[in-house]
Protein backbone atom coordinates (compact mmCIF):
# COMPACT_ATOMS: atom_id res chain seq x y z
CA UNK A 1 0.00 0.00 0.00
CA UNK A 2 1.54 3.27 -1.14
CA UNK A 3 1.35 6.01 1.46
CA UNK A 4 2.70 9.42 2.42
CA UNK A 5 3.36 7.91 5.86
CA UNK A 6 6.32 5.76 6.80
CA UNK A 7 5.11 2.24 7.50
CA UNK A 8 5.03 1.42 11.17
CA UNK A 9 3.73 -1.40 13.29
CA UNK A 10 0.33 -0.82 14.79
CA UNK A 11 -2.64 -2.95 15.68
CA UNK A 12 -5.75 -3.07 13.54
CA UNK A 13 -8.95 -3.32 15.57
CA UNK A 14 -10.95 -6.48 14.95
CA UNK A 15 -14.27 -4.65 14.65
CA UNK A 16 -15.78 -1.23 14.06
CA UNK A 17 -19.26 0.22 14.31
CA UNK A 18 -20.44 3.78 14.13
CA UNK A 19 -21.55 5.31 17.40
CA UNK A 20 -25.30 5.86 17.69
CA UNK A 21 -24.97 9.53 16.69
CA UNK A 22 -22.59 8.75 13.81
CA UNK A 23 -24.84 5.97 12.53
CA UNK A 24 -27.65 8.51 12.43
CA UNK A 25 -25.38 10.89 10.45
CA UNK A 26 -24.32 8.04 8.14
CA UNK A 27 -27.94 7.20 7.38
CA UNK A 28 -28.63 10.87 6.66
CA UNK A 29 -25.72 10.95 4.19
CA UNK A 30 -26.91 7.77 2.51
CA UNK A 31 -30.46 9.16 2.12
CA UNK A 32 -29.11 12.11 0.11
CA UNK A 33 -28.39 9.82 -2.83
CA UNK A 34 -31.02 8.45 -5.23
CA UNK A 35 -32.18 4.85 -4.96
CA UNK A 36 -29.47 2.55 -6.29
CA UNK A 37 -26.74 5.22 -5.94
CA UNK A 38 -26.13 5.00 -2.21
CA UNK A 39 -22.55 3.83 -2.81
CA UNK A 40 -21.81 7.45 -3.60
CA UNK A 41 -21.89 8.10 0.15
CA UNK A 42 -18.60 6.24 0.56
CA UNK A 43 -16.47 9.37 0.98
CA UNK A 44 -18.55 11.05 3.70
CA UNK A 45 -18.80 7.71 5.53
CA UNK A 46 -15.03 7.21 5.36
CA UNK A 47 -14.53 10.71 6.71
CA UNK A 48 -17.03 10.03 9.51
CA UNK A 49 -15.23 6.79 10.41
CA UNK A 50 -11.88 8.58 10.45
CA UNK A 51 -13.30 11.29 12.69
CA UNK A 52 -14.66 8.67 15.10
CA UNK A 53 -11.47 6.60 15.15
CA UNK A 54 -8.75 9.06 16.23
CA UNK A 55 -8.14 10.47 12.74
CA UNK A 56 -7.43 7.17 10.95
CA UNK A 57 -9.50 4.48 9.25
CA UNK A 58 -8.92 0.82 10.13
CA UNK A 59 -9.75 -2.00 7.73
CA UNK A 60 -12.65 -3.00 10.00
CA UNK A 61 -14.24 0.42 9.40
CA UNK A 62 -13.81 0.06 5.64
CA UNK A 63 -15.45 -3.38 5.79
CA UNK A 64 -18.28 -1.96 7.91
CA UNK A 65 -18.86 0.87 5.42
CA UNK A 66 -18.87 -1.62 2.53
CA UNK A 67 -21.56 -3.59 4.34
CA UNK A 68 -23.64 -0.47 5.05
CA UNK A 69 -23.46 0.56 1.39
CA UNK A 70 -23.87 -2.96 0.00
CA UNK A 71 -20.69 -2.77 -2.05
CA UNK A 72 -17.50 -4.85 -2.32
CA UNK A 73 -14.97 -3.96 0.38
CA UNK A 74 -12.25 -3.60 -2.27
CA UNK A 75 -14.11 -0.60 -3.71
CA UNK A 76 -14.08 1.12 -0.32
CA UNK A 77 -10.34 0.32 0.02
CA UNK A 78 -9.73 1.83 -3.44
CA UNK A 79 -11.40 5.11 -2.49
CA UNK A 80 -9.62 5.26 0.88
CA UNK A 81 -6.25 4.63 -0.77
CA UNK A 82 -6.74 7.08 -3.63
CA UNK A 83 -7.30 10.16 -1.47
CA UNK A 84 -4.55 11.42 0.85
CA UNK A 85 -7.19 12.92 3.17
CA UNK A 86 -7.91 9.42 4.46
CA UNK A 87 -5.33 8.07 6.92
CA UNK A 88 -4.94 4.32 6.88
CA UNK A 89 -2.71 4.21 9.93
CA UNK A 90 -2.55 6.03 13.25
CA UNK A 91 -1.39 9.64 13.14
CA UNK A 92 -0.49 12.10 15.86
CA UNK A 93 -2.96 14.31 17.65
CA UNK A 94 -1.91 17.03 15.19
CA UNK A 95 -1.48 15.98 11.57
CA UNK A 96 0.66 18.65 9.90
CA UNK A 97 0.24 18.60 6.13
CA UNK A 98 2.65 20.91 4.30
CA UNK A 99 1.58 21.88 0.78
CA UNK A 100 4.37 21.10 -1.66
CA UNK A 101 3.00 22.37 -4.96
CA UNK A 102 4.67 25.11 -6.99
CA UNK A 103 3.16 28.27 -5.44
CA UNK A 104 3.93 27.06 -1.91
CA UNK A 105 7.43 25.91 -2.86
CA UNK A 106 8.18 29.27 -4.49
CA UNK A 107 7.05 31.06 -1.33
CA UNK A 108 8.99 28.96 1.20
CA UNK A 109 7.32 25.60 1.82
CA UNK A 110 10.70 23.86 1.94
CA UNK A 111 11.68 26.14 4.83
CA UNK A 112 8.40 25.35 6.60
CA UNK A 113 9.10 21.61 6.22
CA UNK A 114 12.67 22.09 7.54
CA UNK A 115 11.39 23.95 10.61
CA UNK A 116 8.87 21.21 11.33
CA UNK A 117 11.42 18.43 10.95
CA UNK A 118 13.93 20.18 13.18
CA UNK A 119 11.47 21.37 15.82
CA UNK A 120 9.67 18.01 16.06
CA UNK A 121 12.77 15.86 15.51
CA UNK A 122 11.02 13.70 12.90
CA UNK A 123 11.19 13.12 9.17
CA UNK A 124 8.36 13.29 6.67
CA UNK A 125 5.82 10.55 7.23
CA UNK A 126 6.80 10.09 10.87
CA UNK A 127 5.05 10.70 14.18
CA UNK A 128 6.68 12.09 17.31
CA UNK A 129 7.32 9.61 20.11
CA UNK A 130 4.62 11.21 22.24
CA UNK A 131 2.09 10.80 19.38
CA UNK A 132 1.40 14.53 19.35
CA UNK A 133 2.54 15.37 15.80
CA UNK A 134 2.71 13.65 12.41
CA UNK A 135 4.40 15.45 9.50
CA UNK A 136 3.63 14.89 5.81
CA UNK A 137 3.84 16.78 2.55
CA UNK A 138 0.71 16.82 0.38
CA UNK A 139 -0.35 18.05 -3.01
CA UNK A 140 -2.25 21.27 -3.48
CA UNK A 141 -4.34 22.42 -0.53
CA UNK A 142 -6.14 24.86 -2.80
CA UNK A 143 -5.19 28.17 -1.19
CA UNK A 144 -2.31 29.22 -3.43
CA UNK A 145 -2.96 32.91 -2.87
CA UNK A 146 -1.99 32.40 0.79
CA UNK A 147 1.15 30.34 0.18
CA UNK A 148 2.95 28.81 1.90
CA UNK A 149 0.39 27.03 3.98
CA UNK A 150 -0.17 23.95 6.06
CA UNK A 151 -3.29 22.13 7.09
CA UNK A 152 -3.27 20.90 10.67
CA UNK A 153 -6.14 18.46 11.13
CA UNK A 154 -8.97 20.48 9.57
CA UNK A 155 -7.52 23.99 9.99
CA UNK A 156 -5.56 25.98 7.41
CA UNK A 157 -2.60 28.14 8.47
CA UNK A 158 -1.63 30.54 5.70
CA UNK A 159 1.15 32.96 4.75
CA UNK A 160 3.56 31.13 7.02
CA UNK A 161 7.15 32.00 7.75
CA UNK A 162 9.63 29.70 9.48
CA UNK A 163 9.16 31.82 12.63
CA UNK A 164 5.35 31.69 12.57
CA UNK A 165 5.45 27.91 11.95
CA UNK A 166 7.72 27.43 14.95
CA UNK A 167 5.34 29.49 17.13
CA UNK A 168 2.38 27.47 15.87
CA UNK A 169 4.05 24.19 16.84
CA UNK A 170 4.88 25.64 20.28
CA UNK A 171 1.26 26.74 20.76
CA UNK A 172 -0.12 23.31 19.75
CA UNK A 173 2.39 21.52 21.97
CA UNK A 174 0.98 23.33 24.99
CA UNK A 175 -2.63 22.25 24.39
C-alpha atoms as a PDB file:
ATOM      1  CA  UNK A   1       0.000   0.000   0.000  1.00  0.00           C
ATOM      2  CA  UNK A   2       1.536   3.273  -1.136  1.00  0.00           C
ATOM      3  CA  UNK A   3       1.348   6.008   1.462  1.00  0.00           C
ATOM      4  CA  UNK A   4       2.701   9.416   2.422  1.00  0.00           C
ATOM      5  CA  UNK A   5       3.361   7.912   5.859  1.00  0.00           C
ATOM      6  CA  UNK A   6       6.316   5.755   6.797  1.00  0.00           C
ATOM      7  CA  UNK A   7       5.106   2.244   7.504  1.00  0.00           C
ATOM      8  CA  UNK A   8       5.033   1.421  11.173  1.00  0.00           C
ATOM      9  CA  UNK A   9       3.728  -1.399  13.286  1.00  0.00           C
ATOM     10  CA  UNK A  10       0.327  -0.824  14.786  1.00  0.00           C
ATOM     11  CA  UNK A  11      -2.637  -2.954  15.682  1.00  0.00           C
ATOM     12  CA  UNK A  12      -5.749  -3.069  13.539  1.00  0.00           C
ATOM     13  CA  UNK A  13      -8.950  -3.316  15.570  1.00  0.00           C
ATOM     14  CA  UNK A  14     -10.954  -6.483  14.951  1.00  0.00           C
ATOM     15  CA  UNK A  15     -14.268  -4.647  14.649  1.00  0.00           C
ATOM     16  CA  UNK A  16     -15.776  -1.233  14.061  1.00  0.00           C
ATOM     17  CA  UNK A  17     -19.262   0.219  14.311  1.00  0.00           C
ATOM     18  CA  UNK A  18     -20.441   3.783  14.126  1.00  0.00           C
ATOM     19  CA  UNK A  19     -21.546   5.305  17.403  1.00  0.00           C
ATOM     20  CA  UNK A  20     -25.296   5.862  17.695  1.00  0.00           C
ATOM     21  CA  UNK A  21     -24.971   9.526  16.695  1.00  0.00           C
ATOM     22  CA  UNK A  22     -22.587   8.755  13.806  1.00  0.00           C
ATOM     23  CA  UNK A  23     -24.844   5.967  12.534  1.00  0.00           C
ATOM     24  CA  UNK A  24     -27.647   8.510  12.434  1.00  0.00           C
ATOM     25  CA  UNK A  25     -25.379  10.891  10.451  1.00  0.00           C
ATOM     26  CA  UNK A  26     -24.319   8.044   8.141  1.00  0.00           C
ATOM     27  CA  UNK A  27     -27.943   7.204   7.381  1.00  0.00           C
ATOM     28  CA  UNK A  28     -28.635  10.869   6.660  1.00  0.00           C
ATOM     29  CA  UNK A  29     -25.718  10.947   4.193  1.00  0.00           C
ATOM     30  CA  UNK A  30     -26.914   7.772   2.510  1.00  0.00           C
ATOM     31  CA  UNK A  31     -30.461   9.159   2.125  1.00  0.00           C
ATOM     32  CA  UNK A  32     -29.113  12.109   0.113  1.00  0.00           C
ATOM     33  CA  UNK A  33     -28.391   9.817  -2.832  1.00  0.00           C
ATOM     34  CA  UNK A  34     -31.017   8.453  -5.226  1.00  0.00           C
ATOM     35  CA  UNK A  35     -32.181   4.850  -4.964  1.00  0.00           C
ATOM     36  CA  UNK A  36     -29.468   2.553  -6.288  1.00  0.00           C
ATOM     37  CA  UNK A  37     -26.736   5.216  -5.944  1.00  0.00           C
ATOM     38  CA  UNK A  38     -26.134   4.998  -2.207  1.00  0.00           C
ATOM     39  CA  UNK A  39     -22.554   3.826  -2.815  1.00  0.00           C
ATOM     40  CA  UNK A  40     -21.808   7.454  -3.601  1.00  0.00           C
ATOM     41  CA  UNK A  41     -21.892   8.104   0.152  1.00  0.00           C
ATOM     42  CA  UNK A  42     -18.603   6.238   0.559  1.00  0.00           C
ATOM     43  CA  UNK A  43     -16.474   9.375   0.978  1.00  0.00           C
ATOM     44  CA  UNK A  44     -18.553  11.051   3.700  1.00  0.00           C
ATOM     45  CA  UNK A  45     -18.801   7.715   5.531  1.00  0.00           C
ATOM     46  CA  UNK A  46     -15.029   7.212   5.364  1.00  0.00           C
ATOM     47  CA  UNK A  47     -14.529  10.710   6.711  1.00  0.00           C
ATOM     48  CA  UNK A  48     -17.025  10.033   9.505  1.00  0.00           C
ATOM     49  CA  UNK A  49     -15.230   6.794  10.415  1.00  0.00           C
ATOM     50  CA  UNK A  50     -11.882   8.581  10.452  1.00  0.00           C
ATOM     51  CA  UNK A  51     -13.302  11.287  12.694  1.00  0.00           C
ATOM     52  CA  UNK A  52     -14.665   8.672  15.104  1.00  0.00           C
ATOM     53  CA  UNK A  53     -11.472   6.602  15.155  1.00  0.00           C
ATOM     54  CA  UNK A  54      -8.752   9.060  16.233  1.00  0.00           C
ATOM     55  CA  UNK A  55      -8.143  10.467  12.736  1.00  0.00           C
ATOM     56  CA  UNK A  56      -7.429   7.172  10.950  1.00  0.00           C
ATOM     57  CA  UNK A  57      -9.497   4.485   9.249  1.00  0.00           C
ATOM     58  CA  UNK A  58      -8.921   0.821  10.131  1.00  0.00           C
ATOM     59  CA  UNK A  59      -9.752  -1.998   7.733  1.00  0.00           C
ATOM     60  CA  UNK A  60     -12.648  -2.999  10.002  1.00  0.00           C
ATOM     61  CA  UNK A  61     -14.235   0.424   9.398  1.00  0.00           C
ATOM     62  CA  UNK A  62     -13.812   0.055   5.641  1.00  0.00           C
ATOM     63  CA  UNK A  63     -15.450  -3.375   5.789  1.00  0.00           C
ATOM     64  CA  UNK A  64     -18.278  -1.960   7.914  1.00  0.00           C
ATOM     65  CA  UNK A  65     -18.855   0.867   5.418  1.00  0.00           C
ATOM     66  CA  UNK A  66     -18.872  -1.621   2.530  1.00  0.00           C
ATOM     67  CA  UNK A  67     -21.559  -3.590   4.339  1.00  0.00           C
ATOM     68  CA  UNK A  68     -23.637  -0.469   5.046  1.00  0.00           C
ATOM     69  CA  UNK A  69     -23.458   0.565   1.386  1.00  0.00           C
ATOM     70  CA  UNK A  70     -23.874  -2.957   0.004  1.00  0.00           C
ATOM     71  CA  UNK A  71     -20.694  -2.770  -2.050  1.00  0.00           C
ATOM     72  CA  UNK A  72     -17.504  -4.848  -2.316  1.00  0.00           C
ATOM     73  CA  UNK A  73     -14.966  -3.957   0.376  1.00  0.00           C
ATOM     74  CA  UNK A  74     -12.248  -3.600  -2.267  1.00  0.00           C
ATOM     75  CA  UNK A  75     -14.106  -0.600  -3.705  1.00  0.00           C
ATOM     76  CA  UNK A  76     -14.075   1.117  -0.323  1.00  0.00           C
ATOM     77  CA  UNK A  77     -10.339   0.321   0.016  1.00  0.00           C
ATOM     78  CA  UNK A  78      -9.731   1.826  -3.439  1.00  0.00           C
ATOM     79  CA  UNK A  79     -11.396   5.106  -2.486  1.00  0.00           C
ATOM     80  CA  UNK A  80      -9.616   5.258   0.884  1.00  0.00           C
ATOM     81  CA  UNK A  81      -6.250   4.632  -0.770  1.00  0.00           C
ATOM     82  CA  UNK A  82      -6.743   7.076  -3.629  1.00  0.00           C
ATOM     83  CA  UNK A  83      -7.303  10.162  -1.468  1.00  0.00           C
ATOM     84  CA  UNK A  84      -4.553  11.418   0.851  1.00  0.00           C
ATOM     85  CA  UNK A  85      -7.191  12.920   3.166  1.00  0.00           C
ATOM     86  CA  UNK A  86      -7.907   9.422   4.462  1.00  0.00           C
ATOM     87  CA  UNK A  87      -5.334   8.072   6.915  1.00  0.00           C
ATOM     88  CA  UNK A  88      -4.936   4.319   6.884  1.00  0.00           C
ATOM     89  CA  UNK A  89      -2.715   4.206   9.931  1.00  0.00           C
ATOM     90  CA  UNK A  90      -2.554   6.029  13.253  1.00  0.00           C
ATOM     91  CA  UNK A  91      -1.389   9.640  13.143  1.00  0.00           C
ATOM     92  CA  UNK A  92      -0.490  12.099  15.863  1.00  0.00           C
ATOM     93  CA  UNK A  93      -2.965  14.311  17.645  1.00  0.00           C
ATOM     94  CA  UNK A  94      -1.905  17.029  15.193  1.00  0.00           C
ATOM     95  CA  UNK A  95      -1.477  15.980  11.569  1.00  0.00           C
ATOM     96  CA  UNK A  96       0.664  18.652   9.899  1.00  0.00           C
ATOM     97  CA  UNK A  97       0.240  18.597   6.128  1.00  0.00           C
ATOM     98  CA  UNK A  98       2.648  20.914   4.299  1.00  0.00           C
ATOM     99  CA  UNK A  99       1.576  21.876   0.783  1.00  0.00           C
ATOM    100  CA  UNK A 100       4.374  21.102  -1.659  1.00  0.00           C
ATOM    101  CA  UNK A 101       3.003  22.368  -4.955  1.00  0.00           C
ATOM    102  CA  UNK A 102       4.673  25.112  -6.993  1.00  0.00           C
ATOM    103  CA  UNK A 103       3.158  28.271  -5.441  1.00  0.00           C
ATOM    104  CA  UNK A 104       3.928  27.060  -1.912  1.00  0.00           C
ATOM    105  CA  UNK A 105       7.433  25.914  -2.860  1.00  0.00           C
ATOM    106  CA  UNK A 106       8.183  29.273  -4.487  1.00  0.00           C
ATOM    107  CA  UNK A 107       7.052  31.060  -1.334  1.00  0.00           C
ATOM    108  CA  UNK A 108       8.989  28.959   1.197  1.00  0.00           C
ATOM    109  CA  UNK A 109       7.316  25.601   1.820  1.00  0.00           C
ATOM    110  CA  UNK A 110      10.701  23.860   1.937  1.00  0.00           C
ATOM    111  CA  UNK A 111      11.681  26.138   4.835  1.00  0.00           C
ATOM    112  CA  UNK A 112       8.396  25.346   6.598  1.00  0.00           C
ATOM    113  CA  UNK A 113       9.104  21.611   6.224  1.00  0.00           C
ATOM    114  CA  UNK A 114      12.671  22.091   7.541  1.00  0.00           C
ATOM    115  CA  UNK A 115      11.395  23.949  10.609  1.00  0.00           C
ATOM    116  CA  UNK A 116       8.867  21.210  11.328  1.00  0.00           C
ATOM    117  CA  UNK A 117      11.420  18.428  10.947  1.00  0.00           C
ATOM    118  CA  UNK A 118      13.933  20.181  13.184  1.00  0.00           C
ATOM    119  CA  UNK A 119      11.470  21.366  15.825  1.00  0.00           C
ATOM    120  CA  UNK A 120       9.671  18.009  16.057  1.00  0.00           C
ATOM    121  CA  UNK A 121      12.769  15.864  15.506  1.00  0.00           C
ATOM    122  CA  UNK A 122      11.015  13.699  12.904  1.00  0.00           C
ATOM    123  CA  UNK A 123      11.194  13.120   9.167  1.00  0.00           C
ATOM    124  CA  UNK A 124       8.356  13.294   6.665  1.00  0.00           C
ATOM    125  CA  UNK A 125       5.819  10.548   7.232  1.00  0.00           C
ATOM    126  CA  UNK A 126       6.799  10.090  10.874  1.00  0.00           C
ATOM    127  CA  UNK A 127       5.046  10.701  14.180  1.00  0.00           C
ATOM    128  CA  UNK A 128       6.678  12.095  17.307  1.00  0.00           C
ATOM    129  CA  UNK A 129       7.319   9.608  20.106  1.00  0.00           C
ATOM    130  CA  UNK A 130       4.623  11.213  22.244  1.00  0.00           C
ATOM    131  CA  UNK A 131       2.087  10.798  19.378  1.00  0.00           C
ATOM    132  CA  UNK A 132       1.399  14.535  19.352  1.00  0.00           C
ATOM    133  CA  UNK A 133       2.540  15.374  15.798  1.00  0.00           C
ATOM    134  CA  UNK A 134       2.707  13.654  12.409  1.00  0.00           C
ATOM    135  CA  UNK A 135       4.396  15.453   9.502  1.00  0.00           C
ATOM    136  CA  UNK A 136       3.631  14.889   5.811  1.00  0.00           C
ATOM    137  CA  UNK A 137       3.835  16.779   2.547  1.00  0.00           C
ATOM    138  CA  UNK A 138       0.709  16.817   0.381  1.00  0.00           C
ATOM    139  CA  UNK A 139      -0.350  18.049  -3.009  1.00  0.00           C
ATOM    140  CA  UNK A 140      -2.254  21.275  -3.476  1.00  0.00           C
ATOM    141  CA  UNK A 141      -4.344  22.417  -0.529  1.00  0.00           C
ATOM    142  CA  UNK A 142      -6.144  24.859  -2.798  1.00  0.00           C
ATOM    143  CA  UNK A 143      -5.188  28.169  -1.193  1.00  0.00           C
ATOM    144  CA  UNK A 144      -2.306  29.218  -3.433  1.00  0.00           C
ATOM    145  CA  UNK A 145      -2.958  32.912  -2.866  1.00  0.00           C
ATOM    146  CA  UNK A 146      -1.994  32.403   0.789  1.00  0.00           C
ATOM    147  CA  UNK A 147       1.149  30.337   0.183  1.00  0.00           C
ATOM    148  CA  UNK A 148       2.949  28.809   1.905  1.00  0.00           C
ATOM    149  CA  UNK A 149       0.393  27.030   3.983  1.00  0.00           C
ATOM    150  CA  UNK A 150      -0.166  23.946   6.056  1.00  0.00           C
ATOM    151  CA  UNK A 151      -3.286  22.127   7.095  1.00  0.00           C
ATOM    152  CA  UNK A 152      -3.272  20.897  10.668  1.00  0.00           C
ATOM    153  CA  UNK A 153      -6.136  18.464  11.135  1.00  0.00           C
ATOM    154  CA  UNK A 154      -8.974  20.485   9.565  1.00  0.00           C
ATOM    155  CA  UNK A 155      -7.516  23.986   9.989  1.00  0.00           C
ATOM    156  CA  UNK A 156      -5.559  25.978   7.409  1.00  0.00           C
ATOM    157  CA  UNK A 157      -2.602  28.139   8.475  1.00  0.00           C
ATOM    158  CA  UNK A 158      -1.635  30.543   5.704  1.00  0.00           C
ATOM    159  CA  UNK A 159       1.154  32.964   4.751  1.00  0.00           C
ATOM    160  CA  UNK A 160       3.560  31.131   7.017  1.00  0.00           C
ATOM    161  CA  UNK A 161       7.151  31.997   7.750  1.00  0.00           C
ATOM    162  CA  UNK A 162       9.627  29.703   9.484  1.00  0.00           C
ATOM    163  CA  UNK A 163       9.157  31.815  12.631  1.00  0.00           C
ATOM    164  CA  UNK A 164       5.349  31.685  12.568  1.00  0.00           C
ATOM    165  CA  UNK A 165       5.450  27.910  11.953  1.00  0.00           C
ATOM    166  CA  UNK A 166       7.716  27.434  14.949  1.00  0.00           C
ATOM    167  CA  UNK A 167       5.339  29.493  17.133  1.00  0.00           C
ATOM    168  CA  UNK A 168       2.378  27.467  15.865  1.00  0.00           C
ATOM    169  CA  UNK A 169       4.049  24.194  16.839  1.00  0.00           C
ATOM    170  CA  UNK A 170       4.876  25.638  20.281  1.00  0.00           C
ATOM    171  CA  UNK A 171       1.259  26.739  20.758  1.00  0.00           C
ATOM    172  CA  UNK A 172      -0.119  23.310  19.754  1.00  0.00           C
ATOM    173  CA  UNK A 173       2.389  21.521  21.974  1.00  0.00           C
ATOM    174  CA  UNK A 174       0.982  23.331  24.988  1.00  0.00           C
ATOM    175  CA  UNK A 175      -2.628  22.250  24.387  1.00  0.00           C
END
